Amino acid sequence: MHDAIELEARGVPTAVIVTSEFVREAKVQREALGMAGVVPVVIAHPLSSLTDEEIAARAAAALPQVIAVWQGKLADAG
């Protein structure tokens, strides 16, 4: 989250990808760091037990959300 906020502050569109277990922590971090507008892209948890192919599938599924964040078209779900 820190890197994403630093990049966003420099005008570089950034997408933070978090698993569903870390949504709250991501939101707390962005608020604490003064970038409440950083919208996390949320994917299913966990990742550590997945195969490379399963992780690639999750990344592919998240890509439309990442692009929407880059374009400023993804609103925060709360």
C-alpha atoms as a PDB file:
ATOM      1  CA  MET A   1       0.000   0.000   0.000  1.00  0.00           C
ATOM      2  CA  HIS A   2       2.831   2.413   0.818  1.00  0.00           C
ATOM      3  CA  ASP A   3       4.396   2.057  -2.634  1.00  0.00           C
ATOM      4  CA  ALA A   4       1.045   2.497  -4.363  1.00  0.00           C
ATOM      5  CA  ILE A   5       0.317   5.655  -2.415  1.00  0.00           C
ATOM      6  CA  GLU A   6       3.763   7.060  -3.226  1.00  0.00           C
ATOM      7  CA  LEU A   7       3.232   6.330  -6.927  1.00  0.00           C
ATOM      8  CA  GLU A   8      -0.286   7.798  -6.892  1.00  0.00           C
ATOM      9  CA  ALA A   9       1.063  10.941  -5.199  1.00  0.00           C
ATOM     10  CA  ARG A  10       3.481  11.259  -8.142  1.00  0.00           C
ATOM     11  CA  GLY A  11       0.640  10.934 -10.622  1.00  0.00           C
ATOM     12  CA  VAL A  12       1.295   7.323 -11.608  1.00  0.00           C
ATOM     13  CA  PRO A  13      -1.955   5.324 -11.812  1.00  0.00           C
ATOM     14  CA  THR A  14      -1.555   2.345  -9.506  1.00  0.00           C
ATOM     15  CA  ALA A  15      -3.690  -0.619  -8.549  1.00  0.00           C
ATOM     16  CA  VAL A  16      -3.292  -2.333  -5.190  1.00  0.00           C
ATOM     17  CA  ILE A  17      -4.386  -5.955  -5.288  1.00  0.00           C
ATOM     18  CA  VAL A  18      -5.386  -7.534  -1.990  1.00  0.00           C
ATOM     19  CA  THR A  19      -7.088 -10.763  -1.059  1.00  0.00           C
ATOM     20  CA  SER A  20     -10.471 -10.648   0.593  1.00  0.00           C
ATOM     21  CA  GLU A  21      -8.889 -11.238   4.004  1.00  0.00           C
ATOM     22  CA  PHE A  22      -6.937  -7.975   3.820  1.00  0.00           C
ATOM     23  CA  VAL A  23      -9.540  -5.483   2.595  1.00  0.00           C
ATOM     24  CA  ARG A  24     -10.011  -3.864   5.998  1.00  0.00           C
ATOM     25  CA  GLU A  25      -6.263  -3.504   6.532  1.00  0.00           C
ATOM     26  CA  ALA A  26      -5.832  -1.943   3.095  1.00  0.00           C
ATOM     27  CA  LYS A  27      -8.538   0.608   3.822  1.00  0.00           C
ATOM     28  CA  VAL A  28      -7.085   1.446   7.243  1.00  0.00           C
ATOM     29  CA  GLN A  29      -3.645   1.930   5.679  1.00  0.00           C
ATOM     30  CA  ARG A  30      -4.845   4.196   2.907  1.00  0.00           C
ATOM     31  CA  GLU A  31      -6.797   6.348   5.370  1.00  0.00           C
ATOM     32  CA  ALA A  32      -3.812   6.566   7.729  1.00  0.00           C
ATOM     33  CA  LEU A  33      -1.555   7.531   4.830  1.00  0.00           C
ATOM     34  CA  GLY A  34      -3.912  10.223   3.573  1.00  0.00           C
ATOM     35  CA  MET A  35      -4.970   8.557   0.316  1.00  0.00           C
ATOM     36  CA  ALA A  36      -8.547   7.467   0.948  1.00  0.00           C
ATOM     37  CA  GLY A  37      -9.162   7.511  -2.794  1.00  0.00           C
ATOM     38  CA  VAL A  38      -6.887   4.539  -3.473  1.00  0.00           C
ATOM     39  CA  VAL A  39      -9.326   1.755  -4.379  1.00  0.00           C
ATOM     40  CA  PRO A  40      -8.069  -1.786  -3.774  1.00  0.00           C
ATOM     41  CA  VAL A  41      -8.740  -4.534  -6.288  1.00  0.00           C
ATOM     42  CA  VAL A  42      -9.965  -7.494  -4.274  1.00  0.00           C
ATOM     43  CA  ILE A  43      -9.324 -11.110  -5.230  1.00  0.00           C
ATOM     44  CA  ALA A  44     -10.282 -14.312  -3.429  1.00  0.00           C
ATOM     45  CA  HIS A  45      -8.195 -15.545  -0.509  1.00  0.00           C
ATOM     46  CA  PRO A  46      -5.894 -17.465  -0.173  1.00  0.00           C
ATOM     47  CA  LEU A  47      -3.076 -17.381  -2.694  1.00  0.00           C
ATOM     48  CA  SER A  48      -0.322 -19.334  -0.950  1.00  0.00           C
ATOM     49  CA  SER A  49      -1.914 -22.740  -1.549  1.00  0.00           C
ATOM     50  CA  LEU A  50      -2.622 -22.188  -5.255  1.00  0.00           C
ATOM     51  CA  THR A  51      -0.711 -23.472  -8.249  1.00  0.00           C
ATOM     52  CA  ASP A  52       0.959 -21.049 -10.625  1.00  0.00           C
ATOM     53  CA  GLU A  53      -1.853 -21.660 -13.098  1.00  0.00           C
ATOM     54  CA  GLU A  54      -4.525 -20.864 -10.503  1.00  0.00           C
ATOM     55  CA  ILE A  55      -2.739 -17.655  -9.553  1.00  0.00           C
ATOM     56  CA  ALA A  56      -2.478 -16.700 -13.227  1.00  0.00           C
ATOM     57  CA  ALA A  57      -6.231 -17.264 -13.580  1.00  0.00           C
ATOM     58  CA  ARG A  58      -6.943 -14.989 -10.615  1.00  0.00           C
ATOM     59  CA  ALA A  59      -4.676 -12.324 -12.065  1.00  0.00           C
ATOM     60  CA  ALA A  60      -6.424 -12.563 -15.424  1.00  0.00           C
ATOM     61  CA  ALA A  61      -9.813 -12.296 -13.740  1.00  0.00           C
ATOM     62  CA  ALA A  62      -8.666  -9.201 -11.819  1.00  0.00           C
ATOM     63  CA  LEU A  63      -7.279  -7.428 -14.894  1.00  0.00           C
ATOM     64  CA  PRO A  64     -10.524  -5.630 -15.843  1.00  0.00           C
ATOM     65  CA  GLN A  65     -10.723  -4.214 -12.302  1.00  0.00           C
ATOM     66  CA  VAL A  66      -7.075  -3.148 -12.429  1.00  0.00           C
ATOM     67  CA  ILE A  67      -7.658  -1.326 -15.702  1.00  0.00           C
ATOM     68  CA  ALA A  68     -10.764   0.334 -14.252  1.00  0.00           C
ATOM     69  CA  VAL A  69      -8.709   1.551 -11.266  1.00  0.00           C
ATOM     70  CA  TRP A  70      -6.036   2.938 -13.590  1.00  0.00           C
ATOM     71  CA  GLN A  71      -8.714   4.777 -15.525  1.00  0.00           C
ATOM     72  CA  GLY A  72     -10.432   6.077 -12.373  1.00  0.00           C
ATOM     73  CA  LYS A  73     -13.589   4.128 -13.140  1.00  0.00           C
ATOM     74  CA  LEU A  74     -13.694   1.741 -10.152  1.00  0.00           C
ATOM     75  CA  ALA A  75     -15.488   3.106  -7.103  1.00  0.00           C
ATOM     76  CA  ASP A  76     -14.742   1.899  -3.611  1.00  0.00           C
ATOM     77  CA  ALA A  77     -17.264  -0.662  -2.390  1.00  0.00           C
ATOM     78  CA  GLY A  78     -17.151   0.722   1.106  1.00  0.00           C
END
